[in-house]
Amino acid sequence: MRDALINLRALPEQRDLIDYAASLLGKNRSDFMLEVACERAQTVILDRVFFGLDAEKFKQFSDLLDAPKTPNAGLARLMEVKAPWQEGSE
C-alpha cells in the first residue's frame, strides 16, 4: 500500500504532456510519474556504481588494482583521524 505522499507543481503544458504520455501507456498520471521517476533514479544510481570498459581499458584497470600498494602519507594521516562519533576523539 502506498502511503508516502509526494507533491510537485508543474506548468499546465508539462501536466498535459505527462497526461498524454500516461494515456498512451494506459496509465494514470501518478502511476506513470512514479514509474518514470523510479526508472530515472535507478539509472542515476547505477551510473555511479557501474561503468563499462572495453577489453584494453579493463586490462589497464585490472593491472592498476593488482599493482603493489605504494606508500601514501596523506592517506595514512587520514586513517589516523578519529571520527567525531568515536570515543576519545578530540
PDB file of N, CA and C in Angstrom:
ATOM      1  N   MET A   1       0.846  -1.185   0.000  1.00  0.00           N
ATOM      2  CA  MET A   1       0.000   0.000   0.000  1.00  0.00           C
ATOM      3  C   MET A   1       0.887   1.243   0.000  1.00  0.00           C
ATOM      4  N   ARG A   2       0.596   2.128  -0.886  1.00  0.00           N
ATOM      5  CA  ARG A   2       1.360   3.377  -0.968  1.00  0.00           C
ATOM      6  C   ARG A   2       0.839   4.342   0.088  1.00  0.00           C
ATOM      7  N   ASP A   3       1.739   4.822   0.922  1.00  0.00           N
ATOM      8  CA  ASP A   3       1.296   5.775   1.936  1.00  0.00           C
ATOM      9  C   ASP A   3       2.216   6.986   2.050  1.00  0.00           C
ATOM     10  N   ALA A   4       3.255   7.057   1.237  1.00  0.00           N
ATOM     11  CA  ALA A   4       4.136   8.224   1.242  1.00  0.00           C
ATOM     12  C   ALA A   4       3.644   9.206   0.189  1.00  0.00           C
ATOM     13  N   LEU A   5       3.476  10.433   0.594  1.00  0.00           N
ATOM     14  CA  LEU A   5       2.954  11.468  -0.293  1.00  0.00           C
ATOM     15  C   LEU A   5       4.093  12.244  -0.929  1.00  0.00           C
ATOM     16  N   ILE A   6       3.998  12.439  -2.244  1.00  0.00           N
ATOM     17  CA  ILE A   6       4.960  13.265  -2.982  1.00  0.00           C
ATOM     18  C   ILE A   6       4.151  14.327  -3.712  1.00  0.00           C
ATOM     19  N   ASN A   7       4.457  15.580  -3.456  1.00  0.00           N
ATOM     20  CA  ASN A   7       3.770  16.686  -4.121  1.00  0.00           C
ATOM     21  C   ASN A   7       4.742  17.410  -5.034  1.00  0.00           C
ATOM     22  N   LEU A   8       4.249  17.873  -6.173  1.00  0.00           N
ATOM     23  CA  LEU A   8       5.061  18.720  -7.009  1.00  0.00           C
ATOM     24  C   LEU A   8       4.164  19.588  -7.877  1.00  0.00           C
ATOM     25  N   ARG A   9       4.702  20.712  -8.247  1.00  0.00           N
ATOM     26  CA  ARG A   9       3.970  21.645  -9.102  1.00  0.00           C
ATOM     27  C   ARG A   9       4.568  21.594 -10.494  1.00  0.00           C
ATOM     28  N   ALA A  10       3.701  21.760 -11.483  1.00  0.00           N
ATOM     29  CA  ALA A  10       4.143  21.725 -12.875  1.00  0.00           C
ATOM     30  C   ALA A  10       3.393  22.785 -13.655  1.00  0.00           C
ATOM     31  N   LEU A  11       3.966  23.156 -14.772  1.00  0.00           N
ATOM     32  CA  LEU A  11       3.245  24.034 -15.696  1.00  0.00           C
ATOM     33  C   LEU A  11       2.112  23.230 -16.335  1.00  0.00           C
ATOM     34  N   PRO A  12       1.043  23.894 -16.722  1.00  0.00           N
ATOM     35  CA  PRO A  12      -0.053  23.163 -17.371  1.00  0.00           C
ATOM     36  C   PRO A  12       0.412  22.360 -18.594  1.00  0.00           C
ATOM     37  N   GLU A  13       1.344  22.939 -19.341  1.00  0.00           N
ATOM     38  CA  GLU A  13       1.854  22.224 -20.515  1.00  0.00           C
ATOM     39  C   GLU A  13       2.586  20.942 -20.126  1.00  0.00           C
ATOM     40  N   GLN A  14       3.325  20.998 -19.026  1.00  0.00           N
ATOM     41  CA  GLN A  14       4.034  19.814 -18.559  1.00  0.00           C
ATOM     42  C   GLN A  14       3.037  18.749 -18.098  1.00  0.00           C
ATOM     43  N   ARG A  15       2.028  19.177 -17.355  1.00  0.00           N
ATOM     44  CA  ARG A  15       0.996  18.254 -16.893  1.00  0.00           C
ATOM     45  C   ARG A  15       0.308  17.589 -18.072  1.00  0.00           C
ATOM     46  N   ASP A  16      -0.021  18.390 -19.093  1.00  0.00           N
ATOM     47  CA  ASP A  16      -0.703  17.847 -20.270  1.00  0.00           C
ATOM     48  C   ASP A  16       0.184  16.842 -21.008  1.00  0.00           C
ATOM     49  N   LEU A  17       1.449  17.143 -21.110  1.00  0.00           N
ATOM     50  CA  LEU A  17       2.382  16.232 -21.765  1.00  0.00           C
ATOM     51  C   LEU A  17       2.456  14.908 -21.011  1.00  0.00           C
ATOM     52  N   ILE A  18       2.585  15.001 -19.692  1.00  0.00           N
ATOM     53  CA  ILE A  18       2.648  13.807 -18.848  1.00  0.00           C
ATOM     54  C   ILE A  18       1.352  13.009 -18.957  1.00  0.00           C
ATOM     55  N   ASP A  19       0.233  13.694 -18.901  1.00  0.00           N
ATOM     56  CA  ASP A  19      -1.055  13.008 -19.016  1.00  0.00           C
ATOM     57  C   ASP A  19      -1.196  12.298 -20.354  1.00  0.00           C
ATOM     58  N   TYR A  20      -0.756  12.946 -21.424  1.00  0.00           N
ATOM     59  CA  TYR A  20      -0.857  12.338 -22.747  1.00  0.00           C
ATOM     60  C   TYR A  20       0.016  11.088 -22.834  1.00  0.00           C
ATOM     61  N   ALA A  21       1.265  11.190 -22.356  1.00  0.00           N
ATOM     62  CA  ALA A  21       2.161  10.035 -22.374  1.00  0.00           C
ATOM     63  C   ALA A  21       1.605   8.903 -21.519  1.00  0.00           C
ATOM     64  N   ALA A  22       1.072   9.238 -20.362  1.00  0.00           N
ATOM     65  CA  ALA A  22       0.487   8.218 -19.487  1.00  0.00           C
ATOM     66  C   ALA A  22      -0.685   7.527 -20.177  1.00  0.00           C
ATOM     67  N   SER A  23      -1.519   8.312 -20.847  1.00  0.00           N
ATOM     68  CA  SER A  23      -2.683   7.723 -21.518  1.00  0.00           C
ATOM     69  C   SER A  23      -2.258   6.789 -22.647  1.00  0.00           C
ATOM     70  N   LEU A  24      -1.166   7.098 -23.326  1.00  0.00           N
ATOM     71  CA  LEU A  24      -0.673   6.221 -24.387  1.00  0.00           C
ATOM     72  C   LEU A  24      -0.264   4.851 -23.845  1.00  0.00           C
ATOM     73  N   LEU A  25       0.141   4.826 -22.578  1.00  0.00           N
ATOM     74  CA  LEU A  25       0.529   3.568 -21.948  1.00  0.00           C
ATOM     75  C   LEU A  25      -0.582   2.957 -21.106  1.00  0.00           C
ATOM     76  N   GLY A  26      -1.756   3.610 -21.107  1.00  0.00           N
ATOM     77  CA  GLY A  26      -2.878   3.102 -20.326  1.00  0.00           C
ATOM     78  C   GLY A  26      -2.676   3.257 -18.833  1.00  0.00           C
ATOM     79  N   LYS A  27      -1.953   4.279 -18.443  1.00  0.00           N
ATOM     80  CA  LYS A  27      -1.675   4.520 -17.024  1.00  0.00           C
ATOM     81  C   LYS A  27      -2.267   5.852 -16.595  1.00  0.00           C
ATOM     82  N   ASN A  28      -2.456   6.003 -15.297  1.00  0.00           N
ATOM     83  CA  ASN A  28      -2.854   7.312 -14.791  1.00  0.00           C
ATOM     84  C   ASN A  28      -1.600   8.134 -14.525  1.00  0.00           C
ATOM     85  N   ARG A  29      -1.786   9.404 -14.282  1.00  0.00           N
ATOM     86  CA  ARG A  29      -0.645  10.319 -14.096  1.00  0.00           C
ATOM     87  C   ARG A  29       0.270   9.873 -12.965  1.00  0.00           C
ATOM     88  N   SER A  30      -0.296   9.524 -11.821  1.00  0.00           N
ATOM     89  CA  SER A  30       0.532   9.137 -10.674  1.00  0.00           C
ATOM     90  C   SER A  30       1.361   7.898 -10.954  1.00  0.00           C
ATOM     91  N   ASP A  31       0.728   6.870 -11.503  1.00  0.00           N
ATOM     92  CA  ASP A  31       1.465   5.636 -11.800  1.00  0.00           C
ATOM     93  C   ASP A  31       2.566   5.893 -12.816  1.00  0.00           C
ATOM     94  N   PHE A  32       2.249   6.671 -13.843  1.00  0.00           N
ATOM     95  CA  PHE A  32       3.238   6.988 -14.870  1.00  0.00           C
ATOM     96  C   PHE A  32       4.417   7.751 -14.272  1.00  0.00           C
ATOM     97  N   MET A  33       4.129   8.799 -13.510  1.00  0.00           N
ATOM     98  CA  MET A  33       5.195   9.620 -12.944  1.00  0.00           C
ATOM     99  C   MET A  33       6.047   8.824 -11.965  1.00  0.00           C
ATOM    100  N   LEU A  34       5.429   8.001 -11.155  1.00  0.00           N
ATOM    101  CA  LEU A  34       6.181   7.200 -10.194  1.00  0.00           C
ATOM    102  C   LEU A  34       7.081   6.200 -10.911  1.00  0.00           C
ATOM    103  N   GLU A  35       6.549   5.547 -11.935  1.00  0.00           N
ATOM    104  CA  GLU A  35       7.334   4.586 -12.694  1.00  0.00           C
ATOM    105  C   GLU A  35       8.530   5.248 -13.379  1.00  0.00           C
ATOM    106  N   VAL A  36       8.287   6.373 -14.047  1.00  0.00           N
ATOM    107  CA  VAL A  36       9.354   7.066 -14.764  1.00  0.00           C
ATOM    108  C   VAL A  36      10.393   7.625 -13.788  1.00  0.00           C
ATOM    109  N   ALA A  37       9.946   8.188 -12.683  1.00  0.00           N
ATOM    110  CA  ALA A  37      10.885   8.738 -11.693  1.00  0.00           C
ATOM    111  C   ALA A  37      11.749   7.634 -11.091  1.00  0.00           C
ATOM    112  N   CYS A  38      11.160   6.491 -10.808  1.00  0.00           N
ATOM    113  CA  CYS A  38      11.937   5.378 -10.249  1.00  0.00           C
ATOM    114  C   CYS A  38      12.933   4.832 -11.266  1.00  0.00           C
ATOM    115  N   GLU A  39      12.526   4.719 -12.527  1.00  0.00           N
ATOM    116  CA  GLU A  39      13.453   4.269 -13.571  1.00  0.00           C
ATOM    117  C   GLU A  39      14.643   5.220 -13.672  1.00  0.00           C
ATOM    118  N   ARG A  40      14.369   6.506 -13.649  1.00  0.00           N
ATOM    119  CA  ARG A  40      15.449   7.506 -13.750  1.00  0.00           C
ATOM    120  C   ARG A  40      16.338   7.458 -12.517  1.00  0.00           C
ATOM    121  N   ALA A  41      15.740   7.301 -11.348  1.00  0.00           N
ATOM    122  CA  ALA A  41      16.518   7.218 -10.109  1.00  0.00           C
ATOM    123  C   ALA A  41      17.452   6.016 -10.153  1.00  0.00           C
ATOM    124  N   GLN A  42      16.967   4.882 -10.623  1.00  0.00           N
ATOM    125  CA  GLN A  42      17.811   3.692 -10.730  1.00  0.00           C
ATOM    126  C   GLN A  42      18.961   3.928 -11.701  1.00  0.00           C
ATOM    127  N   THR A  43      18.683   4.587 -12.810  1.00  0.00           N
ATOM    128  CA  THR A  43      19.724   4.883 -13.793  1.00  0.00           C
ATOM    129  C   THR A  43      20.805   5.769 -13.188  1.00  0.00           C
ATOM    130  N   VAL A  44      20.402   6.805 -12.473  1.00  0.00           N
ATOM    131  CA  VAL A  44      21.372   7.713 -11.842  1.00  0.00           C
ATOM    132  C   VAL A  44      22.231   6.951 -10.843  1.00  0.00           C
ATOM    133  N   ILE A  45      21.620   6.108 -10.037  1.00  0.00           N
ATOM    134  CA  ILE A  45      22.361   5.340  -9.031  1.00  0.00           C
ATOM    135  C   ILE A  45      23.313   4.367  -9.704  1.00  0.00           C
ATOM    136  N   LEU A  46      22.838   3.645 -10.712  1.00  0.00           N
ATOM    137  CA  LEU A  46      23.694   2.680 -11.405  1.00  0.00           C
ATOM    138  C   LEU A  46      24.856   3.357 -12.111  1.00  0.00           C
ATOM    139  N   ASP A  47      24.638   4.555 -12.623  1.00  0.00           N
ATOM    140  CA  ASP A  47      25.727   5.288 -13.267  1.00  0.00           C
ATOM    141  C   ASP A  47      26.852   5.607 -12.293  1.00  0.00           C
ATOM    142  N   ARG A  48      26.543   5.665 -11.023  1.00  0.00           N
ATOM    143  CA  ARG A  48      27.560   5.953 -10.005  1.00  0.00           C
ATOM    144  C   ARG A  48      28.251   4.683  -9.521  1.00  0.00           C
ATOM    145  N   VAL A  49      27.662   3.533  -9.808  1.00  0.00           N
ATOM    146  CA  VAL A  49      28.164   2.274  -9.287  1.00  0.00           C
ATOM    147  C   VAL A  49      28.860   1.441 -10.359  1.00  0.00           C
ATOM    148  N   PHE A  50      28.273   1.369 -11.535  1.00  0.00           N
ATOM    149  CA  PHE A  50      28.790   0.529 -12.607  1.00  0.00           C
ATOM    150  C   PHE A  50      29.369   1.372 -13.732  1.00  0.00           C
ATOM    151  N   PHE A  51      30.412   0.880 -14.346  1.00  0.00           N
ATOM    152  CA  PHE A  51      30.964   1.551 -15.511  1.00  0.00           C
ATOM    153  C   PHE A  51      31.470   0.481 -16.468  1.00  0.00           C
ATOM    154  N   GLY A  52      31.390   0.771 -17.736  1.00  0.00           N
ATOM    155  CA  GLY A  52      31.797  -0.188 -18.747  1.00  0.00           C
ATOM    156  C   GLY A  52      33.158   0.152 -19.331  1.00  0.00           C
ATOM    157  N   LEU A  53      33.936  -0.878 -19.614  1.00  0.00           N
ATOM    158  CA  LEU A  53      35.256  -0.698 -20.212  1.00  0.00           C
ATOM    159  C   LEU A  53      35.433  -1.699 -21.335  1.00  0.00           C
ATOM    160  N   ASP A  54      36.134  -1.282 -22.378  1.00  0.00           N
ATOM    161  CA  ASP A  54      36.478  -2.255 -23.408  1.00  0.00           C
ATOM    162  C   ASP A  54      37.600  -3.139 -22.852  1.00  0.00           C
ATOM    163  N   ALA A  55      37.972  -4.176 -23.589  1.00  0.00           N
ATOM    164  CA  ALA A  55      38.940  -5.162 -23.099  1.00  0.00           C
ATOM    165  C   ALA A  55      40.275  -4.526 -22.726  1.00  0.00           C
ATOM    166  N   GLU A  56      40.748  -3.603 -23.544  1.00  0.00           N
ATOM    167  CA  GLU A  56      42.044  -2.966 -23.271  1.00  0.00           C
ATOM    168  C   GLU A  56      41.999  -2.117 -22.006  1.00  0.00           C
ATOM    169  N   LYS A  57      40.955  -1.312 -21.880  1.00  0.00           N
ATOM    170  CA  LYS A  57      40.820  -0.468 -20.685  1.00  0.00           C
ATOM    171  C   LYS A  57      40.614  -1.322 -19.429  1.00  0.00           C
ATOM    172  N   PHE A  58      39.872  -2.422 -19.567  1.00  0.00           N
ATOM    173  CA  PHE A  58      39.666  -3.305 -18.416  1.00  0.00           C
ATOM    174  C   PHE A  58      40.996  -3.912 -17.958  1.00  0.00           C
ATOM    175  N   LYS A  59      41.840  -4.287 -18.900  1.00  0.00           N
ATOM    176  CA  LYS A  59      43.155  -4.839 -18.561  1.00  0.00           C
ATOM    177  C   LYS A  59      43.983  -3.789 -17.821  1.00  0.00           C
ATOM    178  N   GLN A  60      43.978  -2.552 -18.305  1.00  0.00           N
ATOM    179  CA  GLN A  60      44.705  -1.474 -17.630  1.00  0.00           C
ATOM    180  C   GLN A  60      44.161  -1.261 -16.217  1.00  0.00           C
ATOM    181  N   PHE A  61      42.848  -1.263 -16.096  1.00  0.00           N
ATOM    182  CA  PHE A  61      42.204  -1.073 -14.796  1.00  0.00           C
ATOM    183  C   PHE A  61      42.578  -2.213 -13.848  1.00  0.00           C
ATOM    184  N   SER A  62      42.514  -3.451 -14.329  1.00  0.00           N
ATOM    185  CA  SER A  62      42.868  -4.612 -13.512  1.00  0.00           C
ATOM    186  C   SER A  62      44.324  -4.560 -13.078  1.00  0.00           C
ATOM    187  N   ASP A  63      45.190  -4.154 -13.986  1.00  0.00           N
ATOM    188  CA  ASP A  63      46.614  -4.045 -13.650  1.00  0.00           C
ATOM    189  C   ASP A  63      46.840  -3.026 -12.538  1.00  0.00           C
ATOM    190  N   LEU A  64      46.119  -1.907 -12.602  1.00  0.00           N
ATOM    191  CA  LEU A  64      46.245  -0.895 -11.541  1.00  0.00           C
ATOM    192  C   LEU A  64      45.770  -1.439 -10.201  1.00  0.00           C
ATOM    193  N   LEU A  65      44.673  -2.192 -10.223  1.00  0.00           N
ATOM    194  CA  LEU A  65      44.163  -2.760  -8.973  1.00  0.00           C
ATOM    195  C   LEU A  65      45.105  -3.816  -8.408  1.00  0.00           C
ATOM    196  N   ASP A  66      45.750  -4.563  -9.289  1.00  0.00           N
ATOM    197  CA  ASP A  66      46.637  -5.643  -8.856  1.00  0.00           C
ATOM    198  C   ASP A  66      48.047  -5.173  -8.518  1.00  0.00           C
ATOM    199  N   ALA A  67      48.380  -3.948  -8.878  1.00  0.00           N
ATOM    200  CA  ALA A  67      49.736  -3.432  -8.640  1.00  0.00           C
ATOM    201  C   ALA A  67      50.001  -3.338  -7.136  1.00  0.00           C
ATOM    202  N   PRO A  68      51.256  -3.489  -6.744  1.00  0.00           N
ATOM    203  CA  PRO A  68      51.588  -3.361  -5.317  1.00  0.00           C
ATOM    204  C   PRO A  68      51.213  -1.968  -4.805  1.00  0.00           C
ATOM    205  N   LYS A  69      50.850  -1.932  -3.560  1.00  0.00           N
ATOM    206  CA  LYS A  69      50.490  -0.653  -2.943  1.00  0.00           C
ATOM    207  C   LYS A  69      51.735   0.218  -2.802  1.00  0.00           C
ATOM    208  N   THR A  70      51.530   1.497  -2.979  1.00  0.00           N
ATOM    209  CA  THR A  70      52.622   2.440  -2.767  1.00  0.00           C
ATOM    210  C   THR A  70      52.294   3.279  -1.541  1.00  0.00           C
ATOM    211  N   PRO A  71      53.291   3.651  -0.777  1.00  0.00           N
ATOM    212  CA  PRO A  71      53.044   4.461   0.424  1.00  0.00           C
ATOM    213  C   PRO A  71      52.347   5.782   0.059  1.00  0.00           C
ATOM    214  N   ASN A  72      51.436   6.180   0.905  1.00  0.00           N
ATOM    215  CA  ASN A  72      50.699   7.415   0.691  1.00  0.00           C
ATOM    216  C   ASN A  72      50.562   8.095   2.050  1.00  0.00           C
ATOM    217  N   ALA A  73      51.416   9.074   2.297  1.00  0.00           N
ATOM    218  CA  ALA A  73      51.447   9.742   3.603  1.00  0.00           C
ATOM    219  C   ALA A  73      50.124  10.416   3.921  1.00  0.00           C
ATOM    220  N   GLY A  74      49.516  11.033   2.938  1.00  0.00           N
ATOM    221  CA  GLY A  74      48.237  11.703   3.173  1.00  0.00           C
ATOM    222  C   GLY A  74      47.151  10.731   3.598  1.00  0.00           C
ATOM    223  N   LEU A  75      47.084   9.594   2.944  1.00  0.00           N
ATOM    224  CA  LEU A  75      46.092   8.588   3.301  1.00  0.00           C
ATOM    225  C   LEU A  75      46.368   8.024   4.689  1.00  0.00           C
ATOM    226  N   ALA A  76      47.630   7.811   5.006  1.00  0.00           N
ATOM    227  CA  ALA A  76      47.992   7.304   6.335  1.00  0.00           C
ATOM    228  C   ALA A  76      47.535   8.281   7.420  1.00  0.00           C
ATOM    229  N   ARG A  77      47.766   9.584   7.210  1.00  0.00           N
ATOM    230  CA  ARG A  77      47.311  10.598   8.184  1.00  0.00           C
ATOM    231  C   ARG A  77      45.799  10.585   8.311  1.00  0.00           C
ATOM    232  N   LEU A  78      45.112  10.493   7.183  1.00  0.00           N
ATOM    233  CA  LEU A  78      43.651  10.487   7.189  1.00  0.00           C
ATOM    234  C   LEU A  78      43.105   9.303   7.983  1.00  0.00           C
ATOM    235  N   MET A  79      43.717   8.162   7.824  1.00  0.00           N
ATOM    236  CA  MET A  79      43.244   6.964   8.519  1.00  0.00           C
ATOM    237  C   MET A  79      43.474   7.035  10.022  1.00  0.00           C
ATOM    238  N   GLU A  80      44.377   7.909  10.467  1.00  0.00           N
ATOM    239  CA  GLU A  80      44.642   8.068  11.899  1.00  0.00           C
ATOM    240  C   GLU A  80      43.651   9.007  12.582  1.00  0.00           C
ATOM    241  N   VAL A  81      42.920   9.790  11.807  1.00  0.00           N
ATOM    242  CA  VAL A  81      41.967  10.743  12.374  1.00  0.00           C
ATOM    243  C   VAL A  81      40.719   9.994  12.842  1.00  0.00           C
ATOM    244  N   LYS A  82      40.328  10.243  14.073  1.00  0.00           N
ATOM    245  CA  LYS A  82      39.138   9.594  14.622  1.00  0.00           C
ATOM    246  C   LYS A  82      37.894  10.355  14.173  1.00  0.00           C
ATOM    247  N   ALA A  83      36.853   9.610  13.885  1.00  0.00           N
ATOM    248  CA  ALA A  83      35.575  10.214  13.526  1.00  0.00           C
ATOM    249  C   ALA A  83      34.973  10.861  14.761  1.00  0.00           C
ATOM    250  N   PRO A  84      34.177  11.910  14.598  1.00  0.00           N
ATOM    251  CA  PRO A  84      33.598  12.627  15.745  1.00  0.00           C
ATOM    252  C   PRO A  84      32.797  11.715  16.675  1.00  0.00           C
ATOM    253  N   TRP A  85      32.232  10.645  16.157  1.00  0.00           N
ATOM    254  CA  TRP A  85      31.398   9.767  16.974  1.00  0.00           C
ATOM    255  C   TRP A  85      32.217   8.681  17.673  1.00  0.00           C
ATOM    256  N   GLN A  86      33.518   8.609  17.376  1.00  0.00           N
ATOM    257  CA  GLN A  86      34.350   7.612  18.035  1.00  0.00           C
ATOM    258  C   GLN A  86      34.738   8.097  19.429  1.00  0.00           C
ATOM    259  N   GLU A  87      34.791   7.177  20.340  1.00  0.00           N
ATOM    260  CA  GLU A  87      35.124   7.502  21.720  1.00  0.00           C
ATOM    261  C   GLU A  87      36.533   8.095  21.812  1.00  0.00           C
ATOM    262  N   GLY A  88      36.704   9.133  22.600  1.00  0.00           N
ATOM    263  CA  GLY A  88      38.019   9.715  22.836  1.00  0.00           C
ATOM    264  C   GLY A  88      38.526  10.579  21.701  1.00  0.00           C
ATOM    265  N   SER A  89      37.671  10.944  20.746  1.00  0.00           N
ATOM    266  CA  SER A  89      38.146  11.804  19.656  1.00  0.00           C
ATOM    267  C   SER A  89      38.158  13.245  20.101  1.00  0.00           C
ATOM    268  N   GLU A  90      39.186  13.951  19.768  1.00  0.00           N
ATOM    269  CA  GLU A  90      39.284  15.368  20.119  1.00  0.00           C
ATOM    270  C   GLU A  90      40.138  16.092  19.145  1.00  0.00           C
TER     271      GLU A  90
END
